[in-house]
Amino acid sequence: MAPIVVPIVGSDRLDGALHLKLVLAAADPAALARLTQRMPALRAASVAGAIEFSRLYASTRTPVDAARLRAILTAALRAEDADVADVLIVEVSAAD
């Protein structure tokens, strides 16, 4: 999946951006083909989950809680498509 960048908003102002790269795993080749066809919807669910995480938990002053981010994204993506076997965060950062 292409990199995702969402804003970090704190105290009603833009504090920075949350950058992440995801890899989605499928259980088998047929599921992978279905995921590939649904990639725009899966990306939209990923962005929505990342925005929710950023709104509640992200800060440029603290490390990103990748485990919590992964849990939020996994729930969002599996709700969108049951063929998502696993969500791997290969890169994550919060920057000004």
C-alpha atoms as a PDB file:
ATOM      1  CA  MET A   1       0.000   0.000   0.000  1.00  0.00           C
ATOM      2  CA  ALA A   2       1.216   3.517  -0.738  1.00  0.00           C
ATOM      3  CA  PRO A   3       2.448   5.582   2.244  1.00  0.00           C
ATOM      4  CA  ILE A   4      -0.210   7.276   4.365  1.00  0.00           C
ATOM      5  CA  VAL A   5       0.202  10.702   5.969  1.00  0.00           C
ATOM      6  CA  VAL A   6      -2.427  12.131   8.323  1.00  0.00           C
ATOM      7  CA  PRO A   7      -2.350  15.278  10.463  1.00  0.00           C
ATOM      8  CA  ILE A   8      -1.657  15.336  14.189  1.00  0.00           C
ATOM      9  CA  VAL A   9      -3.916  17.945  15.762  1.00  0.00           C
ATOM     10  CA  GLY A  10      -3.372  19.072  19.333  1.00  0.00           C
ATOM     11  CA  SER A  11      -4.989  21.939  21.220  1.00  0.00           C
ATOM     12  CA  ASP A  12      -6.969  22.902  18.119  1.00  0.00           C
ATOM     13  CA  ARG A  13      -3.911  23.410  15.955  1.00  0.00           C
ATOM     14  CA  LEU A  14      -1.825  21.351  13.561  1.00  0.00           C
ATOM     15  CA  ASP A  15       1.121  19.874  15.484  1.00  0.00           C
ATOM     16  CA  GLY A  16       2.593  17.628  12.830  1.00  0.00           C
ATOM     17  CA  ALA A  17       1.952  14.574  10.729  1.00  0.00           C
ATOM     18  CA  LEU A  18       1.765  10.825  11.292  1.00  0.00           C
ATOM     19  CA  HIS A  19       3.548   8.922   8.517  1.00  0.00           C
ATOM     20  CA  LEU A  20       3.050   5.199   8.011  1.00  0.00           C
ATOM     21  CA  LYS A  21       3.558   2.413   5.514  1.00  0.00           C
ATOM     22  CA  LEU A  22       1.440  -0.724   5.702  1.00  0.00           C
ATOM     23  CA  VAL A  23       1.593  -4.181   4.216  1.00  0.00           C
ATOM     24  CA  LEU A  24      -1.598  -6.229   4.133  1.00  0.00           C
ATOM     25  CA  ALA A  25      -1.368 -10.009   4.261  1.00  0.00           C
ATOM     26  CA  ALA A  26      -3.955 -12.384   2.849  1.00  0.00           C
ATOM     27  CA  ALA A  27      -4.532 -16.007   3.824  1.00  0.00           C
ATOM     28  CA  ASP A  28      -4.226 -17.376   0.285  1.00  0.00           C
ATOM     29  CA  PRO A  29      -3.741 -16.265  -3.353  1.00  0.00           C
ATOM     30  CA  ALA A  30      -7.491 -16.013  -3.999  1.00  0.00           C
ATOM     31  CA  ALA A  31      -7.923 -13.716  -0.989  1.00  0.00           C
ATOM     32  CA  LEU A  32      -4.961 -11.656  -2.199  1.00  0.00           C
ATOM     33  CA  ALA A  33      -6.635 -11.185  -5.582  1.00  0.00           C
ATOM     34  CA  ARG A  34      -9.831  -9.984  -3.865  1.00  0.00           C
ATOM     35  CA  LEU A  35      -7.843  -7.592  -1.649  1.00  0.00           C
ATOM     36  CA  THR A  36      -6.067  -6.176  -4.685  1.00  0.00           C
ATOM     37  CA  GLN A  37      -9.412  -5.408  -6.323  1.00  0.00           C
ATOM     38  CA  ARG A  38     -10.658  -3.694  -3.149  1.00  0.00           C
ATOM     39  CA  MET A  39      -7.490  -1.664  -2.518  1.00  0.00           C
ATOM     40  CA  PRO A  40      -9.176   1.792  -2.809  1.00  0.00           C
ATOM     41  CA  ALA A  41     -11.720   0.871  -0.111  1.00  0.00           C
ATOM     42  CA  LEU A  42      -8.983  -0.671   2.044  1.00  0.00           C
ATOM     43  CA  ARG A  43      -6.858   2.456   1.702  1.00  0.00           C
ATOM     44  CA  ALA A  44      -9.838   4.590   2.729  1.00  0.00           C
ATOM     45  CA  ALA A  45     -10.351   2.408   5.821  1.00  0.00           C
ATOM     46  CA  SER A  46      -6.622   2.684   6.607  1.00  0.00           C
ATOM     47  CA  VAL A  47      -6.682   6.475   6.358  1.00  0.00           C
ATOM     48  CA  ALA A  48      -9.799   6.655   8.551  1.00  0.00           C
ATOM     49  CA  GLY A  49      -8.172   4.419  11.171  1.00  0.00           C
ATOM     50  CA  ALA A  50      -4.940   6.418  11.071  1.00  0.00           C
ATOM     51  CA  ILE A  51      -6.853   9.690  11.511  1.00  0.00           C
ATOM     52  CA  GLU A  52      -8.711   8.237  14.495  1.00  0.00           C
ATOM     53  CA  PHE A  53      -5.444   7.047  16.062  1.00  0.00           C
ATOM     54  CA  SER A  54      -3.789  10.396  15.366  1.00  0.00           C
ATOM     55  CA  ARG A  55      -6.677  12.301  16.918  1.00  0.00           C
ATOM     56  CA  LEU A  56      -6.650  10.238  20.112  1.00  0.00           C
ATOM     57  CA  TYR A  57      -3.095   9.004  20.661  1.00  0.00           C
ATOM     58  CA  ALA A  58      -0.462  10.637  18.431  1.00  0.00           C
ATOM     59  CA  SER A  59       1.943  13.386  19.430  1.00  0.00           C
ATOM     60  CA  THR A  60       5.171  14.666  17.942  1.00  0.00           C
ATOM     61  CA  ARG A  61       6.634  14.655  21.469  1.00  0.00           C
ATOM     62  CA  THR A  62       6.188  10.957  22.262  1.00  0.00           C
ATOM     63  CA  PRO A  63       6.966   7.705  20.456  1.00  0.00           C
ATOM     64  CA  VAL A  64       4.168   6.277  18.330  1.00  0.00           C
ATOM     65  CA  ASP A  65       2.383   3.370  20.028  1.00  0.00           C
ATOM     66  CA  ALA A  66       2.694   1.021  17.047  1.00  0.00           C
ATOM     67  CA  ALA A  67       0.922  -1.844  18.831  1.00  0.00           C
ATOM     68  CA  ARG A  68      -2.164   0.279  19.470  1.00  0.00           C
ATOM     69  CA  LEU A  69      -2.037   1.680  15.915  1.00  0.00           C
ATOM     70  CA  ARG A  70      -1.836  -1.850  14.519  1.00  0.00           C
ATOM     71  CA  ALA A  71      -4.829  -2.953  16.617  1.00  0.00           C
ATOM     72  CA  ILE A  72      -6.922  -0.006  15.394  1.00  0.00           C
ATOM     73  CA  LEU A  73      -5.952  -0.536  11.756  1.00  0.00           C
ATOM     74  CA  THR A  74      -6.472  -4.302  11.930  1.00  0.00           C
ATOM     75  CA  ALA A  75      -9.996  -3.832  13.295  1.00  0.00           C
ATOM     76  CA  ALA A  76     -10.831  -1.211  10.666  1.00  0.00           C
ATOM     77  CA  LEU A  77      -9.452  -3.241   7.760  1.00  0.00           C
ATOM     78  CA  ARG A  78     -11.018  -6.527   8.839  1.00  0.00           C
ATOM     79  CA  ALA A  79     -14.369  -4.747   9.185  1.00  0.00           C
ATOM     80  CA  GLU A  80     -13.931  -3.542   5.603  1.00  0.00           C
ATOM     81  CA  ASP A  81     -12.808  -6.919   4.223  1.00  0.00           C
ATOM     82  CA  ALA A  82     -12.590 -10.255   6.050  1.00  0.00           C
ATOM     83  CA  ASP A  83      -9.856 -11.410   3.633  1.00  0.00           C
ATOM     84  CA  VAL A  84      -7.306  -9.267   5.525  1.00  0.00           C
ATOM     85  CA  ALA A  85      -5.285 -11.860   7.449  1.00  0.00           C
ATOM     86  CA  ASP A  86      -2.772  -9.472   8.998  1.00  0.00           C
ATOM     87  CA  VAL A  87      -1.717  -5.824   8.983  1.00  0.00           C
ATOM     88  CA  LEU A  88       1.997  -5.121   9.202  1.00  0.00           C
ATOM     89  CA  ILE A  89       3.305  -1.632   9.935  1.00  0.00           C
ATOM     90  CA  VAL A  90       6.678  -1.463   8.205  1.00  0.00           C
ATOM     91  CA  GLU A  91       7.350   2.220   8.890  1.00  0.00           C
ATOM     92  CA  VAL A  92       5.800   4.721  11.315  1.00  0.00           C
ATOM     93  CA  SER A  93       6.816   8.150  12.564  1.00  0.00           C
ATOM     94  CA  ALA A  94       5.354  11.342  13.975  1.00  0.00           C
ATOM     95  CA  ALA A  95       7.075  14.528  12.855  1.00  0.00           C
ATOM     96  CA  ASP A  96       6.594  18.302  13.046  1.00  0.00           C
END
